C-alpha atoms as a PDB file:
ATOM      1  CA  UNK A   1     -41.527  20.026   8.971  1.00  0.00           C
ATOM      2  CA  UNK A   2     -38.519  21.708   7.364  1.00  0.00           C
ATOM      3  CA  UNK A   3     -37.066  20.079   4.250  1.00  0.00           C
ATOM      4  CA  UNK A   4     -33.655  20.087   5.914  1.00  0.00           C
ATOM      5  CA  UNK A   5     -34.757  18.370   9.114  1.00  0.00           C
ATOM      6  CA  UNK A   6     -33.021  15.149   9.961  1.00  0.00           C
ATOM      7  CA  UNK A   7     -34.873  11.854   9.874  1.00  0.00           C
ATOM      8  CA  UNK A   8     -35.801  10.787  13.438  1.00  0.00           C
ATOM      9  CA  UNK A   9     -33.194   8.431  14.874  1.00  0.00           C
ATOM     10  CA  UNK A  10     -30.669   9.322  12.163  1.00  0.00           C
ATOM     11  CA  UNK A  11     -27.696  11.658  12.038  1.00  0.00           C
ATOM     12  CA  UNK A  12     -28.047  15.013  10.253  1.00  0.00           C
ATOM     13  CA  UNK A  13     -26.691  14.517   6.705  1.00  0.00           C
ATOM     14  CA  UNK A  14     -23.716  16.260   5.088  1.00  0.00           C
ATOM     15  CA  UNK A  15     -22.047  17.488   8.256  1.00  0.00           C
ATOM     16  CA  UNK A  16     -18.598  18.853   7.280  1.00  0.00           C
ATOM     17  CA  UNK A  17     -15.517  17.307   8.821  1.00  0.00           C
ATOM     18  CA  UNK A  18     -14.799  20.522  10.726  1.00  0.00           C
ATOM     19  CA  UNK A  19     -18.248  20.259  12.314  1.00  0.00           C
ATOM     20  CA  UNK A  20     -17.578  16.671  13.357  1.00  0.00           C
ATOM     21  CA  UNK A  21     -14.256  17.673  14.894  1.00  0.00           C
ATOM     22  CA  UNK A  22     -15.870  20.506  16.879  1.00  0.00           C
ATOM     23  CA  UNK A  23     -18.548  18.151  18.124  1.00  0.00           C
ATOM     24  CA  UNK A  24     -16.040  15.407  18.924  1.00  0.00           C
ATOM     25  CA  UNK A  25     -13.990  17.727  21.154  1.00  0.00           C
ATOM     26  CA  UNK A  26     -17.072  19.143  22.872  1.00  0.00           C
ATOM     27  CA  UNK A  27     -17.127  22.587  21.230  1.00  0.00           C
ATOM     28  CA  UNK A  28     -20.536  22.115  19.608  1.00  0.00           C
ATOM     29  CA  UNK A  29     -23.147  23.303  22.121  1.00  0.00           C
ATOM     30  CA  UNK A  30     -26.211  22.629  19.993  1.00  0.00           C
ATOM     31  CA  UNK A  31     -28.943  21.626  22.501  1.00  0.00           C
ATOM     32  CA  UNK A  32     -30.428  19.219  19.935  1.00  0.00           C
ATOM     33  CA  UNK A  33     -27.165  17.269  19.659  1.00  0.00           C
ATOM     34  CA  UNK A  34     -27.610  13.847  21.210  1.00  0.00           C
ATOM     35  CA  UNK A  35     -24.930  11.623  22.760  1.00  0.00           C
ATOM     36  CA  UNK A  36     -25.173   9.327  19.752  1.00  0.00           C
ATOM     37  CA  UNK A  37     -24.455  12.309  17.463  1.00  0.00           C
ATOM     38  CA  UNK A  38     -21.329  13.110  19.458  1.00  0.00           C
ATOM     39  CA  UNK A  39     -20.297   9.443  19.313  1.00  0.00           C
ATOM     40  CA  UNK A  40     -20.693   9.470  15.523  1.00  0.00           C
ATOM     41  CA  UNK A  41     -18.626  12.651  15.251  1.00  0.00           C
ATOM     42  CA  UNK A  42     -15.878  11.034  17.312  1.00  0.00           C
ATOM     43  CA  UNK A  43     -16.019   8.070  14.938  1.00  0.00           C
ATOM     44  CA  UNK A  44     -15.685  10.318  11.866  1.00  0.00           C
ATOM     45  CA  UNK A  45     -12.829  12.291  13.428  1.00  0.00           C
ATOM     46  CA  UNK A  46     -11.097   9.032  14.370  1.00  0.00           C
ATOM     47  CA  UNK A  47     -11.517   7.696  10.840  1.00  0.00           C
ATOM     48  CA  UNK A  48      -9.981  10.877   9.402  1.00  0.00           C
ATOM     49  CA  UNK A  49      -6.995  10.568  11.741  1.00  0.00           C
ATOM     50  CA  UNK A  50      -6.645   6.891  10.837  1.00  0.00           C
ATOM     51  CA  UNK A  51      -6.635   7.726   7.126  1.00  0.00           C
ATOM     52  CA  UNK A  52      -3.948  10.356   7.697  1.00  0.00           C
ATOM     53  CA  UNK A  53      -1.889   7.876   9.739  1.00  0.00           C
ATOM     54  CA  UNK A  54      -2.240   5.278   6.951  1.00  0.00           C
ATOM     55  CA  UNK A  55      -0.854   7.739   4.398  1.00  0.00           C
ATOM     56  CA  UNK A  56       2.057   8.662   6.689  1.00  0.00           C
ATOM     57  CA  UNK A  57       2.874   4.986   7.334  1.00  0.00           C
ATOM     58  CA  UNK A  58       2.674   4.224   3.605  1.00  0.00           C
ATOM     59  CA  UNK A  59       5.120   7.023   2.821  1.00  0.00           C
ATOM     60  CA  UNK A  60       7.489   5.816   5.550  1.00  0.00           C
ATOM     61  CA  UNK A  61       7.291   2.223   4.285  1.00  0.00           C
ATOM     62  CA  UNK A  62       8.005   3.366   0.718  1.00  0.00           C
ATOM     63  CA  UNK A  63      10.987   5.447   1.873  1.00  0.00           C
ATOM     64  CA  UNK A  64      12.382   2.526   3.885  1.00  0.00           C
ATOM     65  CA  UNK A  65      12.115   0.163   0.901  1.00  0.00           C
ATOM     66  CA  UNK A  66      13.651   2.744  -1.420  1.00  0.00           C
ATOM     67  CA  UNK A  67      16.537   3.352   0.968  1.00  0.00           C
ATOM     68  CA  UNK A  68      17.197  -0.334   1.602  1.00  0.00           C
ATOM     69  CA  UNK A  69      17.133  -1.283  -2.093  1.00  0.00           C
ATOM     70  CA  UNK A  70      19.265   1.719  -3.028  1.00  0.00           C
ATOM     71  CA  UNK A  71      21.909   0.736  -0.464  1.00  0.00           C
ATOM     72  CA  UNK A  72      21.806  -2.869  -1.702  1.00  0.00           C
ATOM     73  CA  UNK A  73      22.221  -1.761  -5.331  1.00  0.00           C
ATOM     74  CA  UNK A  74      25.183   0.430  -4.389  1.00  0.00           C
ATOM     75  CA  UNK A  75      26.788  -2.439  -2.508  1.00  0.00           C
ATOM     76  CA  UNK A  76      26.335  -4.776  -5.484  1.00  0.00           C
ATOM     77  CA  UNK A  77      27.759  -2.139  -7.829  1.00  0.00           C
ATOM     78  CA  UNK A  78      30.873  -1.701  -5.644  1.00  0.00           C
ATOM     79  CA  UNK A  79      31.648  -5.424  -5.895  1.00  0.00           C
ATOM     80  CA  UNK A  80      30.584  -6.014  -9.499  1.00  0.00           C
ATOM     81  CA  UNK A  81      33.118  -6.026 -12.319  1.00  0.00           C
ATOM     82  CA  UNK A  82      32.157  -6.145 -15.987  1.00  0.00           C
ATOM     83  CA  UNK A  83      34.541  -8.201 -18.151  1.00  0.00           C
ATOM     84  CA  UNK A  84      34.575  -9.479 -21.715  1.00  0.00           C
ATOM     85  CA  UNK A  85      33.595 -13.128 -22.241  1.00  0.00           C
ATOM     86  CA  UNK A  86      33.119 -15.453 -25.210  1.00  0.00           C
ATOM     87  CA  UNK A  87      30.247 -17.927 -25.444  1.00  0.00           C
ATOM     88  CA  UNK A  88      31.224 -21.558 -25.850  1.00  0.00           C
ATOM     89  CA  UNK A  89      27.756 -22.736 -26.815  1.00  0.00           C
ATOM     90  CA  UNK A  90      24.488 -21.408 -28.267  1.00  0.00           C
ATOM     91  CA  UNK A  91      21.856 -19.591 -26.234  1.00  0.00           C
ATOM     92  CA  UNK A  92      19.206 -21.738 -24.583  1.00  0.00           C
ATOM     93  CA  UNK A  93      15.990 -20.873 -22.791  1.00  0.00           C
ATOM     94  CA  UNK A  94      15.599 -21.843 -19.132  1.00  0.00           C
ATOM     95  CA  UNK A  95      11.790 -21.816 -19.368  1.00  0.00           C
ATOM     96  CA  UNK A  96       9.571 -22.667 -22.304  1.00  0.00           C
ATOM     97  CA  UNK A  97       6.546 -20.780 -20.953  1.00  0.00           C
ATOM     98  CA  UNK A  98       5.611 -17.720 -22.999  1.00  0.00           C
ATOM     99  CA  UNK A  99       6.658 -14.424 -21.468  1.00  0.00           C
ATOM    100  CA  UNK A 100       8.959 -15.914 -18.829  1.00  0.00           C
ATOM    101  CA  UNK A 101      11.853 -17.330 -20.881  1.00  0.00           C
ATOM    102  CA  UNK A 102      15.413 -16.154 -20.204  1.00  0.00           C
ATOM    103  CA  UNK A 103      18.266 -16.923 -22.563  1.00  0.00           C
ATOM    104  CA  UNK A 104      21.570 -18.168 -21.188  1.00  0.00           C
ATOM    105  CA  UNK A 105      24.701 -19.730 -22.639  1.00  0.00           C
ATOM    106  CA  UNK A 106      28.016 -21.204 -21.427  1.00  0.00           C
ATOM    107  CA  UNK A 107      30.907 -18.759 -21.644  1.00  0.00           C
ATOM    108  CA  UNK A 108      34.618 -18.322 -20.818  1.00  0.00           C
ATOM    109  CA  UNK A 109      36.313 -15.219 -19.462  1.00  0.00           C
ATOM    110  CA  UNK A 110      39.560 -14.028 -17.964  1.00  0.00           C
ATOM    111  CA  UNK A 111      39.549 -12.258 -14.635  1.00  0.00           C
ATOM    112  CA  UNK A 112      42.356 -10.878 -12.449  1.00  0.00           C
ATOM    113  CA  UNK A 113      41.945 -13.826 -10.086  1.00  0.00           C
ATOM    114  CA  UNK A 114      42.208 -16.290 -12.988  1.00  0.00           C
ATOM    115  CA  UNK A 115      40.155 -17.661 -15.895  1.00  0.00           C
ATOM    116  CA  UNK A 116      36.589 -18.674 -15.321  1.00  0.00           C
ATOM    117  CA  UNK A 117      33.604 -20.259 -17.012  1.00  0.00           C
ATOM    118  CA  UNK A 118      29.909 -20.622 -16.399  1.00  0.00           C
ATOM    119  CA  UNK A 119      26.403 -19.929 -17.638  1.00  0.00           C
ATOM    120  CA  UNK A 120      25.611 -16.278 -18.281  1.00  0.00           C
ATOM    121  CA  UNK A 121      22.532 -14.399 -19.412  1.00  0.00           C
ATOM    122  CA  UNK A 122      22.698 -13.505 -23.100  1.00  0.00           C
ATOM    123  CA  UNK A 123      20.453 -11.945 -25.752  1.00  0.00           C
ATOM    124  CA  UNK A 124      18.074 -14.239 -27.594  1.00  0.00           C
ATOM    125  CA  UNK A 125      19.672 -15.960 -30.564  1.00  0.00           C
ATOM    126  CA  UNK A 126      23.283 -15.660 -29.339  1.00  0.00           C
ATOM    127  CA  UNK A 127      25.506 -18.187 -31.113  1.00  0.00           C
ATOM    128  CA  UNK A 128      28.762 -19.888 -30.124  1.00  0.00           C
ATOM    129  CA  UNK A 129      31.809 -17.612 -30.211  1.00  0.00           C
ATOM    130  CA  UNK A 130      29.884 -14.400 -29.517  1.00  0.00           C
ATOM    131  CA  UNK A 131      31.620 -11.744 -27.410  1.00  0.00           C
ATOM    132  CA  UNK A 132      29.426 -10.709 -24.471  1.00  0.00           C
ATOM    133  CA  UNK A 133      29.772  -8.598 -21.347  1.00  0.00           C
ATOM    134  CA  UNK A 134      29.649 -10.499 -18.043  1.00  0.00           C
ATOM    135  CA  UNK A 135      29.270  -9.109 -14.545  1.00  0.00           C
ATOM    136  CA  UNK A 136      31.473 -10.845 -11.931  1.00  0.00           C
ATOM    137  CA  UNK A 137      31.785 -10.446  -8.192  1.00  0.00           C
ATOM    138  CA  UNK A 138      35.087 -10.068  -6.327  1.00  0.00           C
ATOM    139  CA  UNK A 139      35.571 -13.856  -6.404  1.00  0.00           C
ATOM    140  CA  UNK A 140      35.016 -14.095 -10.162  1.00  0.00           C
ATOM    141  CA  UNK A 141      31.490 -15.535 -10.002  1.00  0.00           C
ATOM    142  CA  UNK A 142      28.780 -14.309 -12.419  1.00  0.00           C
ATOM    143  CA  UNK A 143      26.349 -11.859 -10.804  1.00  0.00           C
ATOM    144  CA  UNK A 144      23.402  -9.916 -12.110  1.00  0.00           C
ATOM    145  CA  UNK A 145      23.336  -6.179 -12.598  1.00  0.00           C
ATOM    146  CA  UNK A 146      22.264  -3.974  -9.688  1.00  0.00           C
ATOM    147  CA  UNK A 147      18.607  -3.040  -9.653  1.00  0.00           C
ATOM    148  CA  UNK A 148      17.946   0.076 -11.678  1.00  0.00           C
ATOM    149  CA  UNK A 149      16.626   3.259 -10.121  1.00  0.00           C
ATOM    150  CA  UNK A 150      13.352   2.810 -12.014  1.00  0.00           C
ATOM    151  CA  UNK A 151      12.797  -0.655 -10.538  1.00  0.00           C
ATOM    152  CA  UNK A 152      13.644   0.583  -7.047  1.00  0.00           C
ATOM    153  CA  UNK A 153      11.125   3.421  -7.355  1.00  0.00           C
ATOM    154  CA  UNK A 154       8.516   0.978  -8.659  1.00  0.00           C
ATOM    155  CA  UNK A 155       9.060  -1.336  -5.684  1.00  0.00           C
ATOM    156  CA  UNK A 156       8.767   1.589  -3.260  1.00  0.00           C
ATOM    157  CA  UNK A 157       5.540   2.815  -4.882  1.00  0.00           C
ATOM    158  CA  UNK A 158       4.023  -0.675  -4.825  1.00  0.00           C
ATOM    159  CA  UNK A 159       4.870  -1.077  -1.132  1.00  0.00           C
ATOM    160  CA  UNK A 160       3.332   2.321  -0.383  1.00  0.00           C
ATOM    161  CA  UNK A 161       0.153   1.525  -2.308  1.00  0.00           C
ATOM    162  CA  UNK A 162      -0.082  -1.887  -0.678  1.00  0.00           C
ATOM    163  CA  UNK A 163       0.261  -0.352   2.776  1.00  0.00           C
ATOM    164  CA  UNK A 164      -2.479   2.193   2.070  1.00  0.00           C
ATOM    165  CA  UNK A 165      -4.711  -0.526   0.628  1.00  0.00           C
ATOM    166  CA  UNK A 166      -4.362  -2.856   3.617  1.00  0.00           C
ATOM    167  CA  UNK A 167      -4.718  -0.156   6.264  1.00  0.00           C
ATOM    168  CA  UNK A 168      -7.513   1.554   4.331  1.00  0.00           C
ATOM    169  CA  UNK A 169      -9.502  -1.666   4.010  1.00  0.00           C
ATOM    170  CA  UNK A 170      -9.119  -2.411   7.711  1.00  0.00           C
ATOM    171  CA  UNK A 171     -10.117   1.156   8.613  1.00  0.00           C
ATOM    172  CA  UNK A 172     -13.147   1.064   6.312  1.00  0.00           C
ATOM    173  CA  UNK A 173     -14.332  -2.205   7.850  1.00  0.00           C
ATOM    174  CA  UNK A 174     -13.917  -0.836  11.359  1.00  0.00           C
ATOM    175  CA  UNK A 175     -15.782   2.369  10.419  1.00  0.00           C
ATOM    176  CA  UNK A 176     -18.664   0.455   8.821  1.00  0.00           C
ATOM    177  CA  UNK A 177     -19.058  -1.799  11.881  1.00  0.00           C
ATOM    178  CA  UNK A 178     -19.034   1.109  14.335  1.00  0.00           C
ATOM    179  CA  UNK A 179     -21.416   3.107  12.165  1.00  0.00           C
ATOM    180  CA  UNK A 180     -23.857   0.210  12.041  1.00  0.00           C
ATOM    181  CA  UNK A 181     -23.806  -0.052  15.827  1.00  0.00           C
ATOM    182  CA  UNK A 182     -24.394   3.677  16.194  1.00  0.00           C
ATOM    183  CA  UNK A 183     -27.312   3.511  13.749  1.00  0.00           C
ATOM    184  CA  UNK A 184     -28.898   0.762  15.808  1.00  0.00           C
ATOM    185  CA  UNK A 185     -28.279   2.757  18.967  1.00  0.00           C
ATOM    186  CA  UNK A 186     -29.867   5.867  17.432  1.00  0.00           C
ATOM    187  CA  UNK A 187     -32.938   3.899  16.324  1.00  0.00           C
ATOM    188  CA  UNK A 188     -33.419   2.410  19.773  1.00  0.00           C
ATOM    189  CA  UNK A 189     -33.033   5.866  21.320  1.00  0.00           C
ATOM    190  CA  UNK A 190     -35.680   7.289  19.009  1.00  0.00           C
ATOM    191  CA  UNK A 191     -38.097   4.432  19.693  1.00  0.00           C
ATOM    192  CA  UNK A 192     -37.724   4.879  23.454  1.00  0.00           C
ATOM    193  CA  UNK A 193     -38.302   8.629  23.201  1.00  0.00           C
ATOM    194  CA  UNK A 194     -41.326   8.148  20.960  1.00  0.00           C
ATOM    195  CA  UNK A 195     -42.901   5.735  23.403  1.00  0.00           C
ATOM    196  CA  UNK A 196     -42.684   8.437  26.081  1.00  0.00           C
ATOM    197  CA  UNK A 197     -43.819  11.358  23.922  1.00  0.00           C
ATOM    198  CA  UNK A 198     -46.416   9.820  21.594  1.00  0.00           C
ATOM    199  CA  UNK A 199     -49.187   9.314  24.223  1.00  0.00           C
ATOM    200  CA  UNK A 200     -48.993  12.971  25.272  1.00  0.00           C
ATOM    201  CA  UNK A 201     -48.745  14.202  21.704  1.00  0.00           C
ATOM    202  CA  UNK A 202     -51.700  12.132  20.467  1.00  0.00           C
ATOM    203  CA  UNK A 203     -53.823  12.440  23.608  1.00  0.00           C
ATOM    204  CA  UNK A 204     -53.886   8.670  23.925  1.00  0.00           C
ATOM    205  CA  UNK A 205     -53.907   7.280  27.467  1.00  0.00           C
END
């Protein structure tokens, strides 16, 4: 037996993707190719198309998130006005847990619609009477800064990676299940053929 012969009941190993595609579309006329081999090639070709579709969908999802967040940041920037304010109390933390604390302090400011006051985000250690910059909306209420381009890109990349991960995991599970069924089918096919051939080959009646 040749060293490159396939194991009975199993698919030939290391078939290139192009070979699977040819077999899947019926352009492989090898007389030794069994129906189960063609079914496996269709499975491989389908998995390749699914992987390509997952990448395309991930890119589209990332672009949609990037576009939506960019539009939102532009809208916030159009209605955000930075004014000078003075703190009327020391900075305090809104959370004592390490790594998640944010400093804020009461402050006063003057705005075209009239004076205002409220809690604003400030640097750590800010004391009473410190001049700070405050972002206000059109109604004079404190608002945060628009999301930066770096954060928007990060969100888009994370959405794209998450989409690929979810679709890839689902595709891999589907491929493994179908492959297992085809392996069982190939083994049963080989056993049936052997039962017919073995008596004639061995001379046993």
